[in-house]
Amino acid sequence: QQADLREQGAALLEATQALQTRQAELAEQIAEPRGQEDKGFRVGN
């Protein structure tokens, strides 16, 4: 039981880190301006 729960926790940690990496990649797609919110806006995706 402990091994199963630890495996689920590790999977969750990996998922959150992957999401964080994806958000960083999206921010880097617009090299200039540097920020997304301060010089832009979102429309859908």
ModelCIF file with pLDDT and N, C-alpha, C, O atoms, coordinates in Angstrom:
data_MODEL
#
_entry.id   MODEL 
#
_entity.id                         1 
_entity.type                       polymer 
_entity.pdbx_number_of_molecules   1 
#
_entity_poly.entity_id                      1 
_entity_poly.type                           'polypeptide(L)' 
_entity_poly.nstd_linkage                   no 
_entity_poly.nstd_monomer                   no 
_entity_poly.pdbx_seq_one_letter_code       QQADLREQGAALLEATQALQTRQAELAEQIAEPRGQEDKGFRVGN 
_entity_poly.pdbx_seq_one_letter_code_can   QQADLREQGAALLEATQALQTRQAELAEQIAEPRGQEDKGFRVGN 
_entity_poly.pdbx_strand_id                 A 
#
loop_
_entity_poly_seq.entity_id 
_entity_poly_seq.num 
_entity_poly_seq.mon_id 
_entity_poly_seq.hetero 
1 1  GLN n 
1 2  GLN n 
1 3  ALA n 
1 4  ASP n 
1 5  LEU n 
1 6  ARG n 
1 7  GLU n 
1 8  GLN n 
1 9  GLY n 
1 10 ALA n 
1 11 ALA n 
1 12 LEU n 
1 13 LEU n 
1 14 GLU n 
1 15 ALA n 
1 16 THR n 
1 17 GLN n 
1 18 ALA n 
1 19 LEU n 
1 20 GLN n 
1 21 THR n 
1 22 ARG n 
1 23 GLN n 
1 24 ALA n 
1 25 GLU n 
1 26 LEU n 
1 27 ALA n 
1 28 GLU n 
1 29 GLN n 
1 30 ILE n 
1 31 ALA n 
1 32 GLU n 
1 33 PRO n 
1 34 ARG n 
1 35 GLY n 
1 36 GLN n 
1 37 GLU n 
1 38 ASP n 
1 39 LYS n 
1 40 GLY n 
1 41 PHE n 
1 42 ARG n 
1 43 VAL n 
1 44 GLY n 
1 45 ASN n 
#
_struct_asym.id          A 
_struct_asym.entity_id   1 
#
loop_
_ma_qa_metric.id 
_ma_qa_metric.mode 
_ma_qa_metric.name 
_ma_qa_metric.software_group_id 
_ma_qa_metric.type 
1 global pLDDT . pLDDT 
2 local  pLDDT . pLDDT 
#
_ma_qa_metric_global.metric_id      1 
_ma_qa_metric_global.metric_value   66.80 
_ma_qa_metric_global.model_id       1 
_ma_qa_metric_global.ordinal_id     1 
#
loop_
_ma_qa_metric_local.label_asym_id 
_ma_qa_metric_local.label_comp_id 
_ma_qa_metric_local.label_seq_id 
_ma_qa_metric_local.metric_id 
_ma_qa_metric_local.metric_value 
_ma_qa_metric_local.model_id 
_ma_qa_metric_local.ordinal_id 
A GLN 1  2 66.00 1 1  
A GLN 2  2 67.00 1 2  
A ALA 3  2 71.00 1 3  
A ASP 4  2 70.00 1 4  
A LEU 5  2 67.00 1 5  
A ARG 6  2 70.00 1 6  
A GLU 7  2 74.00 1 7  
A GLN 8  2 71.00 1 8  
A GLY 9  2 68.00 1 9  
A ALA 10 2 72.00 1 10 
A ALA 11 2 73.00 1 11 
A LEU 12 2 71.00 1 12 
A LEU 13 2 71.00 1 13 
A GLU 14 2 75.00 1 14 
A ALA 15 2 72.00 1 15 
A THR 16 2 70.00 1 16 
A GLN 17 2 71.00 1 17 
A ALA 18 2 71.00 1 18 
A LEU 19 2 69.00 1 19 
A GLN 20 2 68.00 1 20 
A THR 21 2 71.00 1 21 
A ARG 22 2 65.00 1 22 
A GLN 23 2 66.00 1 23 
A ALA 24 2 68.00 1 24 
A GLU 25 2 67.00 1 25 
A LEU 26 2 65.00 1 26 
A ALA 27 2 65.00 1 27 
A GLU 28 2 65.00 1 28 
A GLN 29 2 62.00 1 29 
A ILE 30 2 55.00 1 30 
A ALA 31 2 51.00 1 31 
A GLU 32 2 45.00 1 32 
A PRO 33 2 43.00 1 33 
A ARG 34 2 43.00 1 34 
A GLY 35 2 43.00 1 35 
A GLN 36 2 42.00 1 36 
A GLU 37 2 45.00 1 37 
A ASP 38 2 55.00 1 38 
A LYS 39 2 63.00 1 39 
A GLY 40 2 78.00 1 40 
A PHE 41 2 86.00 1 41 
A ARG 42 2 87.00 1 42 
A VAL 43 2 89.00 1 43 
A GLY 44 2 89.00 1 44 
A ASN 45 2 91.00 1 45 
#
loop_
_atom_site.group_PDB 
_atom_site.id 
_atom_site.type_symbol 
_atom_site.label_atom_id 
_atom_site.label_alt_id 
_atom_site.label_comp_id 
_atom_site.label_asym_id 
_atom_site.label_entity_id 
_atom_site.label_seq_id 
_atom_site.pdbx_PDB_ins_code 
_atom_site.Cartn_x 
_atom_site.Cartn_y 
_atom_site.Cartn_z 
_atom_site.occupancy 
_atom_site.B_iso_or_equiv 
_atom_site.pdbx_formal_charge 
_atom_site.auth_seq_id 
_atom_site.auth_comp_id 
_atom_site.auth_asym_id 
_atom_site.auth_atom_id 
_atom_site.pdbx_PDB_model_num 
ATOM 1   N N  . GLN A 1 1  ? 0.830  -1.210 0.000   1.00 66.00 ? 1  GLN A N  1 
ATOM 2   C CA . GLN A 1 1  ? 0.000  0.000  0.000   1.00 66.00 ? 1  GLN A CA 1 
ATOM 3   C C  . GLN A 1 1  ? 0.862  1.256  0.000   1.00 66.00 ? 1  GLN A C  1 
ATOM 4   O O  . GLN A 1 1  ? 0.589  2.216  -0.721  1.00 66.00 ? 1  GLN A O  1 
ATOM 5   N N  . GLN A 1 2  ? 1.902  1.231  0.818   1.00 67.00 ? 2  GLN A N  1 
ATOM 6   C CA . GLN A 1 2  ? 2.799  2.386  0.843   1.00 67.00 ? 2  GLN A CA 1 
ATOM 7   C C  . GLN A 1 2  ? 3.471  2.586  -0.513  1.00 67.00 ? 2  GLN A C  1 
ATOM 8   O O  . GLN A 1 2  ? 3.610  3.716  -0.981  1.00 67.00 ? 2  GLN A O  1 
ATOM 9   N N  . ALA A 1 3  ? 3.891  1.479  -1.146  1.00 71.00 ? 3  ALA A N  1 
ATOM 10  C CA . ALA A 1 3  ? 4.556  1.588  -2.454  1.00 71.00 ? 3  ALA A CA 1 
ATOM 11  C C  . ALA A 1 3  ? 3.600  2.137  -3.503  1.00 71.00 ? 3  ALA A C  1 
ATOM 12  O O  . ALA A 1 3  ? 3.985  2.958  -4.336  1.00 71.00 ? 3  ALA A O  1 
ATOM 13  N N  . ASP A 1 4  ? 2.325  1.670  -3.458  1.00 70.00 ? 4  ASP A N  1 
ATOM 14  C CA . ASP A 1 4  ? 1.343  2.156  -4.435  1.00 70.00 ? 4  ASP A CA 1 
ATOM 15  C C  . ASP A 1 4  ? 1.105  3.649  -4.290  1.00 70.00 ? 4  ASP A C  1 
ATOM 16  O O  . ASP A 1 4  ? 1.074  4.388  -5.274  1.00 70.00 ? 4  ASP A O  1 
ATOM 17  N N  . LEU A 1 5  ? 0.936  4.084  -3.034  1.00 67.00 ? 5  LEU A N  1 
ATOM 18  C CA . LEU A 1 5  ? 0.666  5.505  -2.810  1.00 67.00 ? 5  LEU A CA 1 
ATOM 19  C C  . LEU A 1 5  ? 1.874  6.365  -3.171  1.00 67.00 ? 5  LEU A C  1 
ATOM 20  O O  . LEU A 1 5  ? 1.741  7.450  -3.738  1.00 67.00 ? 5  LEU A O  1 
ATOM 21  N N  . ARG A 1 6  ? 3.061  5.850  -2.827  1.00 70.00 ? 6  ARG A N  1 
ATOM 22  C CA . ARG A 1 6  ? 4.273  6.615  -3.198  1.00 70.00 ? 6  ARG A CA 1 
ATOM 23  C C  . ARG A 1 6  ? 4.386  6.735  -4.719  1.00 70.00 ? 6  ARG A C  1 
ATOM 24  O O  . ARG A 1 6  ? 4.785  7.783  -5.226  1.00 70.00 ? 6  ARG A O  1 
ATOM 25  N N  . GLU A 1 7  ? 4.039  5.672  -5.451  1.00 74.00 ? 7  GLU A N  1 
ATOM 26  C CA . GLU A 1 7  ? 4.091  5.704  -6.919  1.00 74.00 ? 7  GLU A CA 1 
ATOM 27  C C  . GLU A 1 7  ? 3.111  6.751  -7.474  1.00 74.00 ? 7  GLU A C  1 
ATOM 28  O O  . GLU A 1 7  ? 3.441  7.500  -8.393  1.00 74.00 ? 7  GLU A O  1 
ATOM 29  N N  . GLN A 1 8  ? 1.890  6.785  -6.892  1.00 71.00 ? 8  GLN A N  1 
ATOM 30  C CA . GLN A 1 8  ? 0.917  7.777  -7.333  1.00 71.00 ? 8  GLN A CA 1 
ATOM 31  C C  . GLN A 1 8  ? 1.403  9.199  -7.029  1.00 71.00 ? 8  GLN A C  1 
ATOM 32  O O  . GLN A 1 8  ? 1.240  10.106 -7.845  1.00 71.00 ? 8  GLN A O  1 
ATOM 33  N N  . GLY A 1 9  ? 1.994  9.378  -5.864  1.00 68.00 ? 9  GLY A N  1 
ATOM 34  C CA . GLY A 1 9  ? 2.508  10.702 -5.512  1.00 68.00 ? 9  GLY A CA 1 
ATOM 35  C C  . GLY A 1 9  ? 3.623  11.145 -6.437  1.00 68.00 ? 9  GLY A C  1 
ATOM 36  O O  . GLY A 1 9  ? 3.677  12.300 -6.859  1.00 68.00 ? 9  GLY A O  1 
ATOM 37  N N  . ALA A 1 10 ? 4.530  10.196 -6.753  1.00 72.00 ? 10 ALA A N  1 
ATOM 38  C CA . ALA A 1 10 ? 5.624  10.533 -7.664  1.00 72.00 ? 10 ALA A CA 1 
ATOM 39  C C  . ALA A 1 10 ? 5.090  10.888 -9.053  1.00 72.00 ? 10 ALA A C  1 
ATOM 40  O O  . ALA A 1 10 ? 5.601  11.800 -9.704  1.00 72.00 ? 10 ALA A O  1 
ATOM 41  N N  . ALA A 1 11 ? 4.052  10.159 -9.509  1.00 73.00 ? 11 ALA A N  1 
ATOM 42  C CA . ALA A 1 11 ? 3.454  10.450 -10.809 1.00 73.00 ? 11 ALA A CA 1 
ATOM 43  C C  . ALA A 1 11 ? 2.828  11.837 -10.824 1.00 73.00 ? 11 ALA A C  1 
ATOM 44  O O  . ALA A 1 11 ? 2.928  12.561 -11.815 1.00 73.00 ? 11 ALA A O  1 
ATOM 45  N N  . LEU A 1 12 ? 2.177  12.206 -9.712  1.00 71.00 ? 12 LEU A N  1 
ATOM 46  C CA . LEU A 1 12 ? 1.581  13.531 -9.613  1.00 71.00 ? 12 LEU A CA 1 
ATOM 47  C C  . LEU A 1 12 ? 2.657  14.618 -9.654  1.00 71.00 ? 12 LEU A C  1 
ATOM 48  O O  . LEU A 1 12 ? 2.511  15.629 -10.340 1.00 71.00 ? 12 LEU A O  1 
ATOM 49  N N  . LEU A 1 13 ? 3.731  14.390 -8.915  1.00 71.00 ? 13 LEU A N  1 
ATOM 50  C CA . LEU A 1 13 ? 4.817  15.359 -8.901  1.00 71.00 ? 13 LEU A CA 1 
ATOM 51  C C  . LEU A 1 13 ? 5.390  15.550 -10.300 1.00 71.00 ? 13 LEU A C  1 
ATOM 52  O O  . LEU A 1 13 ? 5.680  16.673 -10.713 1.00 71.00 ? 13 LEU A O  1 
ATOM 53  N N  . GLU A 1 14 ? 5.551  14.448 -11.024 1.00 75.00 ? 14 GLU A N  1 
ATOM 54  C CA . GLU A 1 14 ? 6.071  14.523 -12.396 1.00 75.00 ? 14 GLU A CA 1 
ATOM 55  C C  . GLU A 1 14 ? 5.106  15.285 -13.296 1.00 75.00 ? 14 GLU A C  1 
ATOM 56  O O  . GLU A 1 14 ? 5.533  16.067 -14.145 1.00 75.00 ? 14 GLU A O  1 
ATOM 57  N N  . ALA A 1 15 ? 3.783  15.057 -13.111 1.00 72.00 ? 15 ALA A N  1 
ATOM 58  C CA . ALA A 1 15 ? 2.784  15.740 -13.942 1.00 72.00 ? 15 ALA A CA 1 
ATOM 59  C C  . ALA A 1 15 ? 2.799  17.244 -13.706 1.00 72.00 ? 15 ALA A C  1 
ATOM 60  O O  . ALA A 1 15 ? 2.720  18.031 -14.650 1.00 72.00 ? 15 ALA A O  1 
ATOM 61  N N  . THR A 1 16 ? 2.901  17.643 -12.424 1.00 70.00 ? 16 THR A N  1 
ATOM 62  C CA . THR A 1 16 ? 2.912  19.075 -12.137 1.00 70.00 ? 16 THR A CA 1 
ATOM 63  C C  . THR A 1 16 ? 4.173  19.733 -12.692 1.00 70.00 ? 16 THR A C  1 
ATOM 64  O O  . THR A 1 16 ? 4.112  20.849 -13.207 1.00 70.00 ? 16 THR A O  1 
ATOM 65  N N  . GLN A 1 17 ? 5.311  19.054 -12.591 1.00 71.00 ? 17 GLN A N  1 
ATOM 66  C CA . GLN A 1 17 ? 6.546  19.600 -13.135 1.00 71.00 ? 17 GLN A CA 1 
ATOM 67  C C  . GLN A 1 17 ? 6.487  19.707 -14.657 1.00 71.00 ? 17 GLN A C  1 
ATOM 68  O O  . GLN A 1 17 ? 6.998  20.667 -15.234 1.00 71.00 ? 17 GLN A O  1 
ATOM 69  N N  . ALA A 1 18 ? 5.857  18.711 -15.316 1.00 71.00 ? 18 ALA A N  1 
ATOM 70  C CA . ALA A 1 18 ? 5.711  18.757 -16.776 1.00 71.00 ? 18 ALA A CA 1 
ATOM 71  C C  . ALA A 1 18 ? 4.838  19.936 -17.194 1.00 71.00 ? 18 ALA A C  1 
ATOM 72  O O  . ALA A 1 18 ? 5.111  20.603 -18.192 1.00 71.00 ? 18 ALA A O  1 
ATOM 73  N N  . LEU A 1 19 ? 3.781  20.183 -16.414 1.00 69.00 ? 19 LEU A N  1 
ATOM 74  C CA . LEU A 1 19 ? 2.910  21.319 -16.715 1.00 69.00 ? 19 LEU A CA 1 
ATOM 75  C C  . LEU A 1 19 ? 3.665  22.627 -16.559 1.00 69.00 ? 19 LEU A C  1 
ATOM 76  O O  . LEU A 1 19 ? 3.508  23.544 -17.366 1.00 69.00 ? 19 LEU A O  1 
ATOM 77  N N  . GLN A 1 20 ? 4.490  22.713 -15.512 1.00 68.00 ? 20 GLN A N  1 
ATOM 78  C CA . GLN A 1 20 ? 5.278  23.912 -15.287 1.00 68.00 ? 20 GLN A CA 1 
ATOM 79  C C  . GLN A 1 20 ? 6.244  24.145 -16.450 1.00 68.00 ? 20 GLN A C  1 
ATOM 80  O O  . GLN A 1 20 ? 6.421  25.276 -16.903 1.00 68.00 ? 20 GLN A O  1 
ATOM 81  N N  . THR A 1 21 ? 6.863  23.070 -16.924 1.00 71.00 ? 21 THR A N  1 
ATOM 82  C CA . THR A 1 21 ? 7.773  23.180 -18.069 1.00 71.00 ? 21 THR A CA 1 
ATOM 83  C C  . THR A 1 21 ? 7.037  23.651 -19.313 1.00 71.00 ? 21 THR A C  1 
ATOM 84  O O  . THR A 1 21 ? 7.548  24.481 -20.064 1.00 71.00 ? 21 THR A O  1 
ATOM 85  N N  . ARG A 1 22 ? 5.830  23.119 -19.535 1.00 65.00 ? 22 ARG A N  1 
ATOM 86  C CA . ARG A 1 22 ? 5.047  23.517 -20.709 1.00 65.00 ? 22 ARG A CA 1 
ATOM 87  C C  . ARG A 1 22 ? 4.679  24.997 -20.662 1.00 65.00 ? 22 ARG A C  1 
ATOM 88  O O  . ARG A 1 22 ? 4.729  25.687 -21.681 1.00 65.00 ? 22 ARG A O  1 
ATOM 89  N N  . GLN A 1 23 ? 4.311  25.478 -19.489 1.00 66.00 ? 23 GLN A N  1 
ATOM 90  C CA . GLN A 1 23 ? 3.981  26.894 -19.366 1.00 66.00 ? 23 GLN A CA 1 
ATOM 91  C C  . GLN A 1 23 ? 5.206  27.760 -19.655 1.00 66.00 ? 23 GLN A C  1 
ATOM 92  O O  . GLN A 1 23 ? 5.079  28.816 -20.275 1.00 66.00 ? 23 GLN A O  1 
ATOM 93  N N  . ALA A 1 24 ? 6.386  27.330 -19.216 1.00 68.00 ? 24 ALA A N  1 
ATOM 94  C CA . ALA A 1 24 ? 7.614  28.076 -19.498 1.00 68.00 ? 24 ALA A CA 1 
ATOM 95  C C  . ALA A 1 24 ? 7.909  28.096 -20.990 1.00 68.00 ? 24 ALA A C  1 
ATOM 96  O O  . ALA A 1 24 ? 8.343  29.115 -21.527 1.00 68.00 ? 24 ALA A O  1 
ATOM 97  N N  . GLU A 1 25 ? 7.673  26.958 -21.669 1.00 67.00 ? 25 GLU A N  1 
ATOM 98  C CA . GLU A 1 25 ? 7.900  26.897 -23.110 1.00 67.00 ? 25 GLU A CA 1 
ATOM 99  C C  . GLU A 1 25 ? 6.978  27.862 -23.857 1.00 67.00 ? 25 GLU A C  1 
ATOM 100 O O  . GLU A 1 25 ? 7.410  28.532 -24.795 1.00 67.00 ? 25 GLU A O  1 
ATOM 101 N N  . LEU A 1 26 ? 5.722  27.933 -23.448 1.00 65.00 ? 26 LEU A N  1 
ATOM 102 C CA . LEU A 1 26 ? 4.792  28.851 -24.094 1.00 65.00 ? 26 LEU A CA 1 
ATOM 103 C C  . LEU A 1 26 ? 5.238  30.298 -23.906 1.00 65.00 ? 26 LEU A C  1 
ATOM 104 O O  . LEU A 1 26 ? 5.127  31.108 -24.826 1.00 65.00 ? 26 LEU A O  1 
ATOM 105 N N  . ALA A 1 27 ? 5.743  30.623 -22.717 1.00 65.00 ? 27 ALA A N  1 
ATOM 106 C CA . ALA A 1 27 ? 6.206  31.988 -22.473 1.00 65.00 ? 27 ALA A CA 1 
ATOM 107 C C  . ALA A 1 27 ? 7.399  32.326 -23.361 1.00 65.00 ? 27 ALA A C  1 
ATOM 108 O O  . ALA A 1 27 ? 7.536  33.460 -23.820 1.00 65.00 ? 27 ALA A O  1 
ATOM 109 N N  . GLU A 1 28 ? 8.268  31.332 -23.605 1.00 65.00 ? 28 GLU A N  1 
ATOM 110 C CA . GLU A 1 28 ? 9.457  31.569 -24.413 1.00 65.00 ? 28 GLU A CA 1 
ATOM 111 C C  . GLU A 1 28 ? 9.138  31.727 -25.893 1.00 65.00 ? 28 GLU A C  1 
ATOM 112 O O  . GLU A 1 28 ? 9.959  32.256 -26.642 1.00 65.00 ? 28 GLU A O  1 
ATOM 113 N N  . GLN A 1 29 ? 7.964  31.279 -26.333 1.00 62.00 ? 29 GLN A N  1 
ATOM 114 C CA . GLN A 1 29 ? 7.622  31.382 -27.754 1.00 62.00 ? 29 GLN A CA 1 
ATOM 115 C C  . GLN A 1 29 ? 7.523  32.832 -28.204 1.00 62.00 ? 29 GLN A C  1 
ATOM 116 O O  . GLN A 1 29 ? 7.699  33.127 -29.386 1.00 62.00 ? 29 GLN A O  1 
ATOM 117 N N  . ILE A 1 30 ? 7.248  33.721 -27.292 1.00 55.00 ? 30 ILE A N  1 
ATOM 118 C CA . ILE A 1 30 ? 7.254  35.147 -27.625 1.00 55.00 ? 30 ILE A CA 1 
ATOM 119 C C  . ILE A 1 30 ? 8.487  35.744 -26.957 1.00 55.00 ? 30 ILE A C  1 
ATOM 120 O O  . ILE A 1 30 ? 8.454  36.120 -25.786 1.00 55.00 ? 30 ILE A O  1 
ATOM 121 N N  . ALA A 1 31 ? 9.563  35.823 -27.712 1.00 51.00 ? 31 ALA A N  1 
ATOM 122 C CA . ALA A 1 31 ? 10.822 36.291 -27.147 1.00 51.00 ? 31 ALA A CA 1 
ATOM 123 C C  . ALA A 1 31 ? 10.797 37.791 -26.889 1.00 51.00 ? 31 ALA A C  1 
ATOM 124 O O  . ALA A 1 31 ? 11.446 38.271 -25.960 1.00 51.00 ? 31 ALA A O  1 
ATOM 125 N N  . GLU A 1 32 ? 10.061 38.526 -27.696 1.00 45.00 ? 32 GLU A N  1 
ATOM 126 C CA . GLU A 1 32 ? 9.940  39.969 -27.534 1.00 45.00 ? 32 GLU A CA 1 
ATOM 127 C C  . GLU A 1 32 ? 8.512  40.357 -27.857 1.00 45.00 ? 32 GLU A C  1 
ATOM 128 O O  . GLU A 1 32 ? 8.105  40.169 -29.003 1.00 45.00 ? 32 GLU A O  1 
ATOM 129 N N  . PRO A 1 33 ? 7.737  40.873 -26.955 1.00 43.00 ? 33 PRO A N  1 
ATOM 130 C CA . PRO A 1 33 ? 8.126  41.305 -25.616 1.00 43.00 ? 33 PRO A CA 1 
ATOM 131 C C  . PRO A 1 33 ? 8.392  40.143 -24.660 1.00 43.00 ? 33 PRO A C  1 
ATOM 132 O O  . PRO A 1 33 ? 7.961  39.016 -24.901 1.00 43.00 ? 33 PRO A O  1 
ATOM 133 N N  . ARG A 1 34 ? 9.098  40.431 -23.590 1.00 43.00 ? 34 ARG A N  1 
ATOM 134 C CA . ARG A 1 34 ? 9.547  39.391 -22.674 1.00 43.00 ? 34 ARG A CA 1 
ATOM 135 C C  . ARG A 1 34 ? 8.398  38.759 -21.918 1.00 43.00 ? 34 ARG A C  1 
ATOM 136 O O  . ARG A 1 34 ? 8.374  37.537 -21.772 1.00 43.00 ? 34 ARG A O  1 
ATOM 137 N N  . GLY A 1 35 ? 7.447  39.532 -21.434 1.00 43.00 ? 35 GLY A N  1 
ATOM 138 C CA . GLY A 1 35 ? 6.339  38.991 -20.679 1.00 43.00 ? 35 GLY A CA 1 
ATOM 139 C C  . GLY A 1 35 ? 5.115  38.799 -21.553 1.00 43.00 ? 35 GLY A C  1 
ATOM 140 O O  . GLY A 1 35 ? 4.998  39.421 -22.609 1.00 43.00 ? 35 GLY A O  1 
ATOM 141 N N  . GLN A 1 36 ? 4.205  37.941 -21.118 1.00 42.00 ? 36 GLN A N  1 
ATOM 142 C CA . GLN A 1 36 ? 2.985  37.725 -21.874 1.00 42.00 ? 36 GLN A CA 1 
ATOM 143 C C  . GLN A 1 36 ? 1.863  38.643 -21.395 1.00 42.00 ? 36 GLN A C  1 
ATOM 144 O O  . GLN A 1 36 ? 1.135  39.200 -22.216 1.00 42.00 ? 36 GLN A O  1 
ATOM 145 N N  . GLU A 1 37 ? 1.714  38.809 -20.087 1.00 45.00 ? 37 GLU A N  1 
ATOM 146 C CA . GLU A 1 37 ? 0.603  39.599 -19.590 1.00 45.00 ? 37 GLU A CA 1 
ATOM 147 C C  . GLU A 1 37 ? 0.867  41.098 -19.700 1.00 45.00 ? 37 GLU A C  1 
ATOM 148 O O  . GLU A 1 37 ? -0.069 41.865 -19.928 1.00 45.00 ? 37 GLU A O  1 
ATOM 149 N N  . ASP A 1 38 ? 2.130  41.540 -19.541 1.00 55.00 ? 38 ASP A N  1 
ATOM 150 C CA . ASP A 1 38 ? 2.381  42.971 -19.488 1.00 55.00 ? 38 ASP A CA 1 
ATOM 151 C C  . ASP A 1 38 ? 2.317  43.619 -20.857 1.00 55.00 ? 38 ASP A C  1 
ATOM 152 O O  . ASP A 1 38 ? 2.110  44.829 -20.947 1.00 55.00 ? 38 ASP A O  1 
ATOM 153 N N  . LYS A 1 39 ? 2.488  42.852 -21.932 1.00 63.00 ? 39 LYS A N  1 
ATOM 154 C CA . LYS A 1 39 ? 2.446  43.435 -23.271 1.00 63.00 ? 39 LYS A CA 1 
ATOM 155 C C  . LYS A 1 39 ? 1.545  42.637 -24.197 1.00 63.00 ? 39 LYS A C  1 
ATOM 156 O O  . LYS A 1 39 ? 1.790  42.608 -25.403 1.00 63.00 ? 39 LYS A O  1 
ATOM 157 N N  . GLY A 1 40 ? 0.540  42.005 -23.690 1.00 78.00 ? 40 GLY A N  1 
ATOM 158 C CA . GLY A 1 40 ? -0.310 41.210 -24.541 1.00 78.00 ? 40 GLY A CA 1 
ATOM 159 C C  . GLY A 1 40 ? -1.566 40.763 -23.830 1.00 78.00 ? 40 GLY A C  1 
ATOM 160 O O  . GLY A 1 40 ? -1.851 41.186 -22.709 1.00 78.00 ? 40 GLY A O  1 
ATOM 161 N N  . PHE A 1 41 ? -2.303 39.915 -24.487 1.00 86.00 ? 41 PHE A N  1 
ATOM 162 C CA . PHE A 1 41 ? -3.546 39.397 -23.948 1.00 86.00 ? 41 PHE A CA 1 
ATOM 163 C C  . PHE A 1 41 ? -3.815 38.040 -24.580 1.00 86.00 ? 41 PHE A C  1 
ATOM 164 O O  . PHE A 1 41 ? -3.223 37.686 -25.600 1.00 86.00 ? 41 PHE A O  1 
ATOM 165 N N  . ARG A 1 42 ? -4.718 37.287 -23.960 1.00 87.00 ? 42 ARG A N  1 
ATOM 166 C CA . ARG A 1 42 ? -5.030 35.960 -24.456 1.00 87.00 ? 42 ARG A CA 1 
ATOM 167 C C  . ARG A 1 42 ? -6.388 35.953 -25.120 1.00 87.00 ? 42 ARG A C  1 
ATOM 168 O O  . ARG A 1 42 ? -7.329 36.592 -24.650 1.00 87.00 ? 42 ARG A O  1 
ATOM 169 N N  . VAL A 1 43 ? -6.481 35.215 -26.231 1.00 89.00 ? 43 VAL A N  1 
ATOM 170 C CA . VAL A 1 43 ? -7.748 34.950 -26.905 1.00 89.00 ? 43 VAL A CA 1 
ATOM 171 C C  . VAL A 1 43 ? -7.813 33.438 -27.090 1.00 89.00 ? 43 VAL A C  1 
ATOM 172 O O  . VAL A 1 43 ? -7.134 32.894 -27.961 1.00 89.00 ? 43 VAL A O  1 
ATOM 173 N N  . GLY A 1 44 ? -8.616 32.757 -26.287 1.00 89.00 ? 44 GLY A N  1 
ATOM 174 C CA . GLY A 1 44 ? -8.648 31.303 -26.343 1.00 89.00 ? 44 GLY A CA 1 
ATOM 175 C C  . GLY A 1 44 ? -7.294 30.733 -25.980 1.00 89.00 ? 44 GLY A C  1 
ATOM 176 O O  . GLY A 1 44 ? -6.752 31.026 -24.915 1.00 89.00 ? 44 GLY A O  1 
ATOM 177 N N  . ASN A 1 45 ? -6.746 29.913 -26.873 1.00 91.00 ? 45 ASN A N  1 
ATOM 178 C CA . ASN A 1 45 ? -5.436 29.291 -26.641 1.00 91.00 ? 45 ASN A CA 1 
ATOM 179 C C  . ASN A 1 45 ? -4.276 30.148 -27.112 1.00 91.00 ? 45 ASN A C  1 
ATOM 180 O O  . ASN A 1 45 ? -3.120 29.749 -26.979 1.00 91.00 ? 45 ASN A O  1 
#
